[in-house]
All heavy atoms as atom14 arrays in JSON, in Angstrom:
{
  "sequence": "PNKYGDNLTNIRATVAYVNRYKKYIDGFEEGRIFNGFRFVYPLFSEEK",
  "atom14_mask": [
    [1, 1, 1, 1, 1, 1, 1, 0, 0, 0, 0, 0, 0, 0],
    [1, 1, 1, 1, 1, 1, 1, 1, 0, 0, 0, 0, 0, 0],
    [1, 1, 1, 1, 1, 1, 1, 1, 1, 0, 0, 0, 0, 0],
    [1, 1, 1, 1, 1, 1, 1, 1, 1, 1, 1, 1, 0, 0],
    [1, 1, 1, 1, 0, 0, 0, 0, 0, 0, 0, 0, 0, 0],
    [1, 1, 1, 1, 1, 1, 1, 1, 0, 0, 0, 0, 0, 0],
    [1, 1, 1, 1, 1, 1, 1, 1, 0, 0, 0, 0, 0, 0],
    [1, 1, 1, 1, 1, 1, 1, 1, 0, 0, 0, 0, 0, 0],
    [1, 1, 1, 1, 1, 1, 1, 0, 0, 0, 0, 0, 0, 0],
    [1, 1, 1, 1, 1, 1, 1, 1, 0, 0, 0, 0, 0, 0],
    [1, 1, 1, 1, 1, 1, 1, 1, 0, 0, 0, 0, 0, 0],
    [1, 1, 1, 1, 1, 1, 1, 1, 1, 1, 1, 0, 0, 0],
    [1, 1, 1, 1, 1, 0, 0, 0, 0, 0, 0, 0, 0, 0],
    [1, 1, 1, 1, 1, 1, 1, 0, 0, 0, 0, 0, 0, 0],
    [1, 1, 1, 1, 1, 1, 1, 0, 0, 0, 0, 0, 0, 0],
    [1, 1, 1, 1, 1, 0, 0, 0, 0, 0, 0, 0, 0, 0],
    [1, 1, 1, 1, 1, 1, 1, 1, 1, 1, 1, 1, 0, 0],
    [1, 1, 1, 1, 1, 1, 1, 0, 0, 0, 0, 0, 0, 0],
    [1, 1, 1, 1, 1, 1, 1, 1, 0, 0, 0, 0, 0, 0],
    [1, 1, 1, 1, 1, 1, 1, 1, 1, 1, 1, 0, 0, 0],
    [1, 1, 1, 1, 1, 1, 1, 1, 1, 1, 1, 1, 0, 0],
    [1, 1, 1, 1, 1, 1, 1, 1, 1, 0, 0, 0, 0, 0],
    [1, 1, 1, 1, 1, 1, 1, 1, 1, 0, 0, 0, 0, 0],
    [1, 1, 1, 1, 1, 1, 1, 1, 1, 1, 1, 1, 0, 0],
    [1, 1, 1, 1, 1, 1, 1, 1, 0, 0, 0, 0, 0, 0],
    [1, 1, 1, 1, 1, 1, 1, 1, 0, 0, 0, 0, 0, 0],
    [1, 1, 1, 1, 0, 0, 0, 0, 0, 0, 0, 0, 0, 0],
    [1, 1, 1, 1, 1, 1, 1, 1, 1, 1, 1, 0, 0, 0],
    [1, 1, 1, 1, 1, 1, 1, 1, 1, 0, 0, 0, 0, 0],
    [1, 1, 1, 1, 1, 1, 1, 1, 1, 0, 0, 0, 0, 0],
    [1, 1, 1, 1, 0, 0, 0, 0, 0, 0, 0, 0, 0, 0],
    [1, 1, 1, 1, 1, 1, 1, 1, 1, 1, 1, 0, 0, 0],
    [1, 1, 1, 1, 1, 1, 1, 1, 0, 0, 0, 0, 0, 0],
    [1, 1, 1, 1, 1, 1, 1, 1, 1, 1, 1, 0, 0, 0],
    [1, 1, 1, 1, 1, 1, 1, 1, 0, 0, 0, 0, 0, 0],
    [1, 1, 1, 1, 0, 0, 0, 0, 0, 0, 0, 0, 0, 0],
    [1, 1, 1, 1, 1, 1, 1, 1, 1, 1, 1, 0, 0, 0],
    [1, 1, 1, 1, 1, 1, 1, 1, 1, 1, 1, 0, 0, 0],
    [1, 1, 1, 1, 1, 1, 1, 1, 1, 1, 1, 0, 0, 0],
    [1, 1, 1, 1, 1, 1, 1, 0, 0, 0, 0, 0, 0, 0],
    [1, 1, 1, 1, 1, 1, 1, 1, 1, 1, 1, 1, 0, 0],
    [1, 1, 1, 1, 1, 1, 1, 0, 0, 0, 0, 0, 0, 0],
    [1, 1, 1, 1, 1, 1, 1, 1, 0, 0, 0, 0, 0, 0],
    [1, 1, 1, 1, 1, 1, 1, 1, 1, 1, 1, 0, 0, 0],
    [1, 1, 1, 1, 1, 1, 0, 0, 0, 0, 0, 0, 0, 0],
    [1, 1, 1, 1, 1, 1, 1, 1, 1, 0, 0, 0, 0, 0],
    [1, 1, 1, 1, 1, 1, 1, 1, 1, 0, 0, 0, 0, 0],
    [1, 1, 1, 1, 1, 1, 1, 1, 1, 0, 0, 0, 0, 0]
  ],
  "atom14_positions": [
    [[-6.1, -21.09, 8.6], [-7.52, -21.34, 8.35], [-8.44, -20.8, 9.43], [-9.64, -20.64, 9.2], [-7.59, -22.87, 8.26], [-6.36, -23.37, 8.93], [-5.32, -22.33, 8.72], [0.0, 0.0, 0.0], [0.0, 0.0, 0.0], [0.0, 0.0, 0.0], [0.0, 0.0, 0.0], [0.0, 0.0, 0.0], [0.0, 0.0, 0.0], [0.0, 0.0, 0.0]],
    [[-7.91, -20.5, 10.61], [-8.75, -20.0, 11.7], [-8.98, -18.49, 11.62], [-9.77, -17.94, 12.4], [-8.14, -20.35, 13.06], [-8.11, -21.86, 13.29], [-9.01, -22.56, 12.83], [-7.1, -22.36, 13.98], [0.0, 0.0, 0.0], [0.0, 0.0, 0.0], [0.0, 0.0, 0.0], [0.0, 0.0, 0.0], [0.0, 0.0, 0.0], [0.0, 0.0, 0.0]],
    [[-8.28, -17.8, 10.72], [-8.46, -16.36, 10.57], [-9.2, -16.09, 9.27], [-8.66, -16.27, 8.19], [-7.1, -15.64, 10.57], [-6.46, -15.6, 11.96], [-5.32, -14.61, 12.01], [-4.78, -14.49, 13.44], [-3.75, -13.46, 13.58], [0.0, 0.0, 0.0], [0.0, 0.0, 0.0], [0.0, 0.0, 0.0], [0.0, 0.0, 0.0], [0.0, 0.0, 0.0]],
    [[-10.45, -15.67, 9.4], [-11.28, -15.4, 8.22], [-12.34, -14.37, 8.6], [-12.5, -13.99, 9.76], [-11.92, -16.69, 7.7], [-12.75, -17.43, 8.73], [-14.08, -17.08, 9.01], [-12.19, -18.48, 9.46], [-14.82, -17.75, 9.95], [-12.92, -19.16, 10.42], [-14.24, -18.8, 10.67], [-14.96, -19.46, 11.61], [0.0, 0.0, 0.0], [0.0, 0.0, 0.0]],
    [[-13.08, -13.91, 7.6], [-14.19, -13.0, 7.84], [-13.82, -11.53, 7.81], [-14.71, -10.67, 7.79], [0.0, 0.0, 0.0], [0.0, 0.0, 0.0], [0.0, 0.0, 0.0], [0.0, 0.0, 0.0], [0.0, 0.0, 0.0], [0.0, 0.0, 0.0], [0.0, 0.0, 0.0], [0.0, 0.0, 0.0], [0.0, 0.0, 0.0], [0.0, 0.0, 0.0]],
    [[-12.5, -11.17, 7.83], [-12.11, -9.76, 7.8], [-12.18, -9.23, 6.37], [-11.89, -9.95, 5.42], [-10.7, -9.58, 8.37], [-9.69, -10.5, 7.72], [-9.94, -11.72, 7.69], [-8.66, -10.0, 7.22], [0.0, 0.0, 0.0], [0.0, 0.0, 0.0], [0.0, 0.0, 0.0], [0.0, 0.0, 0.0], [0.0, 0.0, 0.0], [0.0, 0.0, 0.0]],
    [[-12.6, -7.98, 6.25], [-12.72, -7.38, 4.93], [-11.38, -6.77, 4.5], [-10.76, -6.04, 5.24], [-13.8, -6.3, 4.92], [-14.16, -5.9, 3.5], [-13.43, -5.16, 2.86], [-15.29, -6.41, 3.02], [0.0, 0.0, 0.0], [0.0, 0.0, 0.0], [0.0, 0.0, 0.0], [0.0, 0.0, 0.0], [0.0, 0.0, 0.0], [0.0, 0.0, 0.0]],
    [[-10.96, -7.09, 3.28], [-9.63, -6.71, 2.79], [-9.66, -5.5, 1.86], [-8.64, -5.16, 1.26], [-9.0, -7.89, 2.05], [-8.86, -9.18, 2.86], [-8.38, -10.31, 1.96], [-7.89, -8.99, 4.02], [0.0, 0.0, 0.0], [0.0, 0.0, 0.0], [0.0, 0.0, 0.0], [0.0, 0.0, 0.0], [0.0, 0.0, 0.0], [0.0, 0.0, 0.0]],
    [[-10.8, -4.84, 1.75], [-10.93, -3.76, 0.75], [-9.86, -2.69, 0.93], [-9.23, -2.25, -0.05], [-12.32, -3.12, 0.85], [-13.31, -4.13, 0.63], [-12.47, -2.01, -0.18], [0.0, 0.0, 0.0], [0.0, 0.0, 0.0], [0.0, 0.0, 0.0], [0.0, 0.0, 0.0], [0.0, 0.0, 0.0], [0.0, 0.0, 0.0], [0.0, 0.0, 0.0]],
    [[-9.61, -2.25, 2.16], [-8.65, -1.18, 2.42], [-7.26, -1.7, 2.77], [-6.38, -0.93, 3.09], [-9.16, -0.28, 3.55], [-10.47, 0.39, 3.19], [-10.66, 0.8, 2.05], [-11.38, 0.49, 4.15], [0.0, 0.0, 0.0], [0.0, 0.0, 0.0], [0.0, 0.0, 0.0], [0.0, 0.0, 0.0], [0.0, 0.0, 0.0], [0.0, 0.0, 0.0]],
    [[-7.11, -3.03, 2.76], [-5.82, -3.64, 3.13], [-5.13, -4.22, 1.9], [-3.93, -4.01, 1.7], [-6.03, -4.75, 4.18], [-6.71, -4.18, 5.43], [-4.69, -5.4, 4.53], [-5.89, -3.13, 6.15], [0.0, 0.0, 0.0], [0.0, 0.0, 0.0], [0.0, 0.0, 0.0], [0.0, 0.0, 0.0], [0.0, 0.0, 0.0], [0.0, 0.0, 0.0]],
    [[-5.88, -4.92, 1.08], [-5.31, -5.64, -0.06], [-5.84, -5.05, -1.36], [-6.91, -5.43, -1.84], [-5.65, -7.12, 0.04], [-4.97, -7.83, 1.22], [-3.46, -7.95, 1.0], [-3.21, -8.46, -0.31], [-3.38, -9.74, -0.63], [-3.75, -10.6, 0.28], [-3.14, -10.15, -1.86], [0.0, 0.0, 0.0], [0.0, 0.0, 0.0], [0.0, 0.0, 0.0]],
    [[-5.1, -4.1, -1.91], [-5.53, -3.41, -3.13], [-5.66, -4.38, -4.3], [-6.52, -4.19, -5.17], [-4.54, -2.3, -3.47], [0.0, 0.0, 0.0], [0.0, 0.0, 0.0], [0.0, 0.0, 0.0], [0.0, 0.0, 0.0], [0.0, 0.0, 0.0], [0.0, 0.0, 0.0], [0.0, 0.0, 0.0], [0.0, 0.0, 0.0], [0.0, 0.0, 0.0]],
    [[-4.82, -5.41, -4.33], [-4.88, -6.35, -5.46], [-6.18, -7.15, -5.44], [-6.79, -7.39, -6.48], [-3.68, -7.32, -5.41], [-3.63, -7.95, -4.12], [-2.38, -6.59, -5.67], [0.0, 0.0, 0.0], [0.0, 0.0, 0.0], [0.0, 0.0, 0.0], [0.0, 0.0, 0.0], [0.0, 0.0, 0.0], [0.0, 0.0, 0.0], [0.0, 0.0, 0.0]],
    [[-6.6, -7.55, -4.24], [-7.85, -8.3, -4.12], [-9.04, -7.42, -4.55], [-9.91, -7.84, -5.31], [-8.04, -8.81, -2.68], [-9.42, -9.47, -2.52], [-6.94, -9.79, -2.31], [0.0, 0.0, 0.0], [0.0, 0.0, 0.0], [0.0, 0.0, 0.0], [0.0, 0.0, 0.0], [0.0, 0.0, 0.0], [0.0, 0.0, 0.0], [0.0, 0.0, 0.0]],
    [[-9.05, -6.18, -4.05], [-10.12, -5.25, -4.42], [-10.14, -5.0, -5.93], [-11.21, -4.92, -6.55], [-9.95, -3.93, -3.66], [0.0, 0.0, 0.0], [0.0, 0.0, 0.0], [0.0, 0.0, 0.0], [0.0, 0.0, 0.0], [0.0, 0.0, 0.0], [0.0, 0.0, 0.0], [0.0, 0.0, 0.0], [0.0, 0.0, 0.0], [0.0, 0.0, 0.0]],
    [[-8.96, -4.89, -6.52], [-8.86, -4.66, -7.96], [-9.45, -5.83, -8.75], [-10.24, -5.64, -9.68], [-7.39, -4.46, -8.34], [-7.14, -4.32, -9.82], [-7.13, -3.08, -10.44], [-6.89, -5.45, -10.61], [-6.9, -2.96, -11.8], [-6.68, -5.34, -11.97], [-6.67, -4.1, -12.56], [-6.45, -3.98, -13.9], [0.0, 0.0, 0.0], [0.0, 0.0, 0.0]],
    [[-9.06, -7.07, -8.39], [-9.52, -8.25, -9.14], [-11.03, -8.42, -9.0], [-11.73, -8.71, -9.98], [-8.77, -9.51, -8.64], [-9.38, -10.77, -9.25], [-7.3, -9.42, -9.02], [0.0, 0.0, 0.0], [0.0, 0.0, 0.0], [0.0, 0.0, 0.0], [0.0, 0.0, 0.0], [0.0, 0.0, 0.0], [0.0, 0.0, 0.0], [0.0, 0.0, 0.0]],
    [[-11.56, -8.23, -7.78], [-13.0, -8.4, -7.59], [-13.81, -7.28, -8.25], [-14.97, -7.47, -8.6], [-13.32, -8.48, -6.1], [-12.98, -9.84, -5.53], [-13.06, -10.85, -6.22], [-12.59, -9.88, -4.27], [0.0, 0.0, 0.0], [0.0, 0.0, 0.0], [0.0, 0.0, 0.0], [0.0, 0.0, 0.0], [0.0, 0.0, 0.0], [0.0, 0.0, 0.0]],
    [[-13.2, -6.12, -8.37], [-13.91, -5.01, -9.0], [-13.91, -5.12, -10.52], [-14.95, -4.98, -11.18], [-13.28, -3.69, -8.58], [-13.97, -2.48, -9.18], [-13.33, -1.18, -8.72], [-14.0, -0.02, -9.31], [-13.59, 1.24, -9.13], [-12.52, 1.5, -8.37], [-14.23, 2.24, -9.71], [0.0, 0.0, 0.0], [0.0, 0.0, 0.0], [0.0, 0.0, 0.0]],
    [[-12.72, -5.38, -11.08], [-12.59, -5.39, -12.54], [-12.63, -6.79, -13.14], [-12.64, -6.94, -14.36], [-11.29, -4.7, -12.96], [-11.24, -3.24, -12.57], [-10.46, -2.82, -11.49], [-11.98, -2.3, -13.26], [-10.41, -1.48, -11.11], [-11.94, -0.96, -12.9], [-11.16, -0.55, -11.82], [-11.11, 0.77, -11.47], [0.0, 0.0, 0.0], [0.0, 0.0, 0.0]],
    [[-12.59, -7.81, -12.24], [-12.64, -9.22, -12.69], [-11.49, -9.52, -13.65], [-11.65, -10.21, -14.66], [-14.0, -9.53, -13.33], [-15.17, -9.27, -12.38], [-16.5, -9.4, -13.08], [-17.64, -9.05, -12.14], [-17.55, -7.67, -11.62], [0.0, 0.0, 0.0], [0.0, 0.0, 0.0], [0.0, 0.0, 0.0], [0.0, 0.0, 0.0], [0.0, 0.0, 0.0]],
    [[-10.31, -8.95, -13.33], [-9.1, -9.15, -14.12], [-7.98, -9.64, -13.21], [-7.91, -9.28, -12.04], [-8.65, -7.84, -14.79], [-9.6, -7.33, -15.85], [-9.03, -6.04, -16.44], [-9.93, -5.46, -17.51], [-9.38, -4.19, -18.06], [0.0, 0.0, 0.0], [0.0, 0.0, 0.0], [0.0, 0.0, 0.0], [0.0, 0.0, 0.0], [0.0, 0.0, 0.0]],
    [[-7.1, -10.44, -13.79], [-5.93, -10.95, -13.08], [-4.92, -9.82, -12.81], [-4.79, -8.89, -13.59], [-5.27, -12.04, -13.93], [-3.84, -12.35, -13.56], [-3.53, -13.24, -12.54], [-2.78, -11.75, -14.25], [-2.21, -13.52, -12.21], [-1.47, -12.02, -13.93], [-1.2, -12.91, -12.9], [0.1, -13.18, -12.58], [0.0, 0.0, 0.0], [0.0, 0.0, 0.0]],
    [[-4.2, -9.91, -11.69], [-3.13, -8.95, -11.39], [-2.07, -9.66, -10.56], [-2.35, -10.66, -9.87], [-3.69, -7.72, -10.61], [-2.69, -6.56, -10.69], [-4.02, -8.07, -9.17], [-3.26, -5.25, -10.17], [0.0, 0.0, 0.0], [0.0, 0.0, 0.0], [0.0, 0.0, 0.0], [0.0, 0.0, 0.0], [0.0, 0.0, 0.0], [0.0, 0.0, 0.0]],
    [[-0.84, -9.18, -10.63], [0.23, -9.78, -9.82], [1.21, -8.71, -9.39], [1.31, -7.65, -9.99], [0.95, -10.88, -10.61], [1.67, -10.33, -11.83], [2.81, -9.86, -11.68], [1.09, -10.37, -12.94], [0.0, 0.0, 0.0], [0.0, 0.0, 0.0], [0.0, 0.0, 0.0], [0.0, 0.0, 0.0], [0.0, 0.0, 0.0], [0.0, 0.0, 0.0]],
    [[1.95, -9.01, -8.32], [2.96, -8.09, -7.8], [3.17, -8.29, -6.31], [2.52, -9.11, -5.67], [0.0, 0.0, 0.0], [0.0, 0.0, 0.0], [0.0, 0.0, 0.0], [0.0, 0.0, 0.0], [0.0, 0.0, 0.0], [0.0, 0.0, 0.0], [0.0, 0.0, 0.0], [0.0, 0.0, 0.0], [0.0, 0.0, 0.0], [0.0, 0.0, 0.0]],
    [[4.12, -7.51, -5.76], [4.4, -7.6, -4.32], [3.38, -6.77, -3.54], [3.02, -5.66, -3.94], [5.81, -7.09, -4.01], [6.11, -7.04, -2.53], [6.54, -8.18, -1.87], [5.94, -5.87, -1.81], [6.81, -8.14, -0.51], [6.2, -5.83, -0.46], [6.63, -6.97, 0.2], [0.0, 0.0, 0.0], [0.0, 0.0, 0.0], [0.0, 0.0, 0.0]],
    [[2.92, -7.34, -2.39], [1.99, -6.61, -1.55], [2.07, -7.12, -0.12], [2.24, -8.32, 0.12], [0.56, -6.76, -2.08], [-0.44, -5.82, -1.41], [-1.82, -5.92, -2.02], [-2.16, -6.99, -2.57], [-2.56, -4.93, -1.94], [0.0, 0.0, 0.0], [0.0, 0.0, 0.0], [0.0, 0.0, 0.0], [0.0, 0.0, 0.0], [0.0, 0.0, 0.0]],
    [[1.96, -6.2, 0.83], [1.89, -6.54, 2.25], [0.45, -6.92, 2.6], [-0.5, -6.35, 2.06], [2.34, -5.34, 3.1], [2.35, -5.6, 4.6], [3.35, -6.67, 4.99], [4.57, -6.44, 4.86], [2.9, -7.75, 5.4], [0.0, 0.0, 0.0], [0.0, 0.0, 0.0], [0.0, 0.0, 0.0], [0.0, 0.0, 0.0], [0.0, 0.0, 0.0]],
    [[0.29, -7.91, 3.46], [-1.05, -8.33, 3.88], [-1.22, -8.19, 5.39], [-0.42, -7.54, 6.07], [0.0, 0.0, 0.0], [0.0, 0.0, 0.0], [0.0, 0.0, 0.0], [0.0, 0.0, 0.0], [0.0, 0.0, 0.0], [0.0, 0.0, 0.0], [0.0, 0.0, 0.0], [0.0, 0.0, 0.0], [0.0, 0.0, 0.0], [0.0, 0.0, 0.0]],
    [[-2.24, -8.85, 5.91], [-2.49, -8.79, 7.35], [-1.57, -9.71, 8.13], [-1.29, -9.47, 9.31], [-3.95, -9.16, 7.65], [-4.95, -8.05, 7.31], [-6.28, -8.33, 7.96], [-7.25, -7.27, 7.75], [-7.3, -6.15, 8.45], [-6.4, -5.92, 9.38], [-8.23, -5.25, 8.2], [0.0, 0.0, 0.0], [0.0, 0.0, 0.0], [0.0, 0.0, 0.0]],
    [[-1.09, -10.77, 7.48], [-0.23, -11.74, 8.16], [1.15, -11.79, 7.52], [2.17, -11.63, 8.18], [-0.87, -13.14, 8.15], [-2.2, -13.1, 8.89], [0.07, -14.16, 8.78], [-2.98, -14.4, 8.82], [0.0, 0.0, 0.0], [0.0, 0.0, 0.0], [0.0, 0.0, 0.0], [0.0, 0.0, 0.0], [0.0, 0.0, 0.0], [0.0, 0.0, 0.0]],
    [[1.18, -12.0, 6.22], [2.43, -12.11, 5.5], [2.46, -11.12, 4.34], [1.41, -10.73, 3.83], [2.61, -13.52, 4.91], [2.79, -14.6, 5.93], [1.87, -15.62, 6.05], [3.89, -14.61, 6.77], [2.03, -16.63, 6.97], [4.06, -15.62, 7.7], [3.13, -16.62, 7.81], [0.0, 0.0, 0.0], [0.0, 0.0, 0.0], [0.0, 0.0, 0.0]],
    [[3.65, -10.76, 3.95], [3.84, -10.1, 2.65], [4.2, -11.18, 1.64], [4.44, -12.33, 2.02], [4.93, -9.04, 2.72], [6.27, -9.64, 3.11], [6.84, -10.42, 2.36], [6.77, -9.28, 4.28], [0.0, 0.0, 0.0], [0.0, 0.0, 0.0], [0.0, 0.0, 0.0], [0.0, 0.0, 0.0], [0.0, 0.0, 0.0], [0.0, 0.0, 0.0]],
    [[4.26, -10.82, 0.39], [4.65, -11.81, -0.59], [4.46, -11.31, -2.0], [3.88, -10.25, -2.25], [0.0, 0.0, 0.0], [0.0, 0.0, 0.0], [0.0, 0.0, 0.0], [0.0, 0.0, 0.0], [0.0, 0.0, 0.0], [0.0, 0.0, 0.0], [0.0, 0.0, 0.0], [0.0, 0.0, 0.0], [0.0, 0.0, 0.0], [0.0, 0.0, 0.0]],
    [[4.97, -12.11, -2.93], [4.74, -11.85, -4.34], [3.46, -12.58, -4.71], [3.41, -13.81, -4.74], [5.93, -12.33, -5.17], [7.15, -11.48, -4.95], [8.09, -11.82, -3.98], [7.35, -10.32, -5.68], [9.2, -11.03, -3.77], [8.46, -9.54, -5.48], [9.39, -9.88, -4.51], [0.0, 0.0, 0.0], [0.0, 0.0, 0.0], [0.0, 0.0, 0.0]],
    [[2.41, -11.82, -4.99], [1.06, -12.35, -5.06], [0.57, -12.37, -6.5], [0.79, -11.43, -7.27], [0.12, -11.49, -4.2], [0.62, -11.35, -2.76], [-0.29, -10.45, -1.95], [0.27, -10.15, -0.63], [0.14, -10.94, 0.43], [-0.52, -12.07, 0.33], [0.67, -10.59, 1.6], [0.0, 0.0, 0.0], [0.0, 0.0, 0.0], [0.0, 0.0, 0.0]],
    [[-0.12, -13.46, -6.81], [-0.72, -13.65, -8.13], [-2.21, -13.91, -7.89], [-2.59, -14.97, -7.39], [-0.06, -14.81, -8.86], [1.43, -14.64, -8.98], [2.28, -15.09, -7.96], [2.0, -14.01, -10.07], [3.66, -14.93, -8.04], [3.37, -13.84, -10.17], [4.2, -14.29, -9.15], [0.0, 0.0, 0.0], [0.0, 0.0, 0.0], [0.0, 0.0, 0.0]],
    [[-3.05, -12.91, -8.2], [-4.46, -12.93, -7.83], [-5.31, -13.13, -9.09], [-5.17, -12.39, -10.07], [-4.88, -11.63, -7.1], [-6.28, -11.76, -6.54], [-3.88, -11.32, -5.98], [0.0, 0.0, 0.0], [0.0, 0.0, 0.0], [0.0, 0.0, 0.0], [0.0, 0.0, 0.0], [0.0, 0.0, 0.0], [0.0, 0.0, 0.0], [0.0, 0.0, 0.0]],
    [[-6.21, -14.16, -9.0], [-7.02, -14.53, -10.17], [-8.51, -14.39, -9.83], [-8.94, -14.76, -8.72], [-6.77, -16.0, -10.55], [-5.34, -16.33, -10.84], [-4.43, -16.6, -9.8], [-4.86, -16.43, -12.15], [-3.11, -16.93, -10.06], [-3.56, -16.77, -12.42], [-2.67, -17.02, -11.37], [-1.38, -17.36, -11.64], [0.0, 0.0, 0.0], [0.0, 0.0, 0.0]],
    [[-9.33, -13.89, -10.77], [-10.78, -13.91, -10.56], [-11.3, -15.33, -10.76], [-10.76, -16.1, -11.55], [-11.3, -12.96, -11.65], [-10.27, -13.03, -12.73], [-8.95, -13.26, -12.04], [0.0, 0.0, 0.0], [0.0, 0.0, 0.0], [0.0, 0.0, 0.0], [0.0, 0.0, 0.0], [0.0, 0.0, 0.0], [0.0, 0.0, 0.0], [0.0, 0.0, 0.0]],
    [[-12.38, -15.69, -10.04], [-12.98, -17.02, -10.15], [-14.41, -16.87, -10.68], [-15.15, -15.97, -10.28], [-13.0, -17.72, -8.79], [-11.62, -18.11, -8.24], [-11.75, -18.66, -6.83], [-10.93, -19.13, -9.14], [0.0, 0.0, 0.0], [0.0, 0.0, 0.0], [0.0, 0.0, 0.0], [0.0, 0.0, 0.0], [0.0, 0.0, 0.0], [0.0, 0.0, 0.0]],
    [[-14.79, -17.77, -11.56], [-16.1, -17.75, -12.18], [-16.73, -19.13, -12.11], [-16.04, -20.16, -12.18], [-16.02, -17.3, -13.64], [-15.41, -15.95, -13.84], [-14.04, -15.81, -14.06], [-16.21, -14.81, -13.79], [-13.47, -14.57, -14.23], [-15.65, -13.56, -13.97], [-14.28, -13.43, -14.17], [0.0, 0.0, 0.0], [0.0, 0.0, 0.0], [0.0, 0.0, 0.0]],
    [[-18.06, -19.15, -11.96], [-18.79, -20.42, -11.98], [-18.88, -20.92, -13.41], [-18.45, -20.25, -14.36], [-20.19, -20.22, -11.41], [-20.95, -19.37, -12.26], [0.0, 0.0, 0.0], [0.0, 0.0, 0.0], [0.0, 0.0, 0.0], [0.0, 0.0, 0.0], [0.0, 0.0, 0.0], [0.0, 0.0, 0.0], [0.0, 0.0, 0.0], [0.0, 0.0, 0.0]],
    [[-19.47, -22.12, -13.56], [-19.61, -22.67, -14.91], [-20.51, -21.79, -15.77], [-20.41, -21.8, -17.0], [-20.19, -24.08, -14.82], [-19.21, -25.1, -14.2], [-19.78, -26.5, -14.19], [-20.94, -26.67, -14.66], [-19.08, -27.42, -13.73], [0.0, 0.0, 0.0], [0.0, 0.0, 0.0], [0.0, 0.0, 0.0], [0.0, 0.0, 0.0], [0.0, 0.0, 0.0]],
    [[-21.38, -21.02, -15.13], [-22.26, -20.11, -15.87], [-21.58, -18.75, -16.11], [-22.24, -17.76, -16.47], [-23.56, -19.89, -15.09], [-24.42, -21.14, -14.97], [-23.91, -22.1, -13.89], [-23.16, -21.61, -13.0], [-24.21, -23.3, -13.95], [0.0, 0.0, 0.0], [0.0, 0.0, 0.0], [0.0, 0.0, 0.0], [0.0, 0.0, 0.0], [0.0, 0.0, 0.0]],
    [[-20.27, -18.69, -15.88], [-19.48, -17.48, -16.09], [-19.86, -16.35, -15.13], [-19.67, -15.17, -15.42], [-19.6, -16.97, -17.54], [-19.24, -17.99, -18.59], [-17.81, -18.48, -18.45], [-17.48, -19.5, -19.52], [-16.1, -20.05, -19.32], [0.0, 0.0, 0.0], [0.0, 0.0, 0.0], [0.0, 0.0, 0.0], [0.0, 0.0, 0.0], [0.0, 0.0, 0.0]]
  ]
}
């Protein structure tokens, strides 16, 4: 929780993909701290 504020655009392709296309994606990816099998979901407010 103490590591935040860094931009992941060029590090985490899955995050950039979900935020750009607002679509779910999953698969293995290396990150800044850990690698893992990642399941990334777009989030929407009640107003969509």
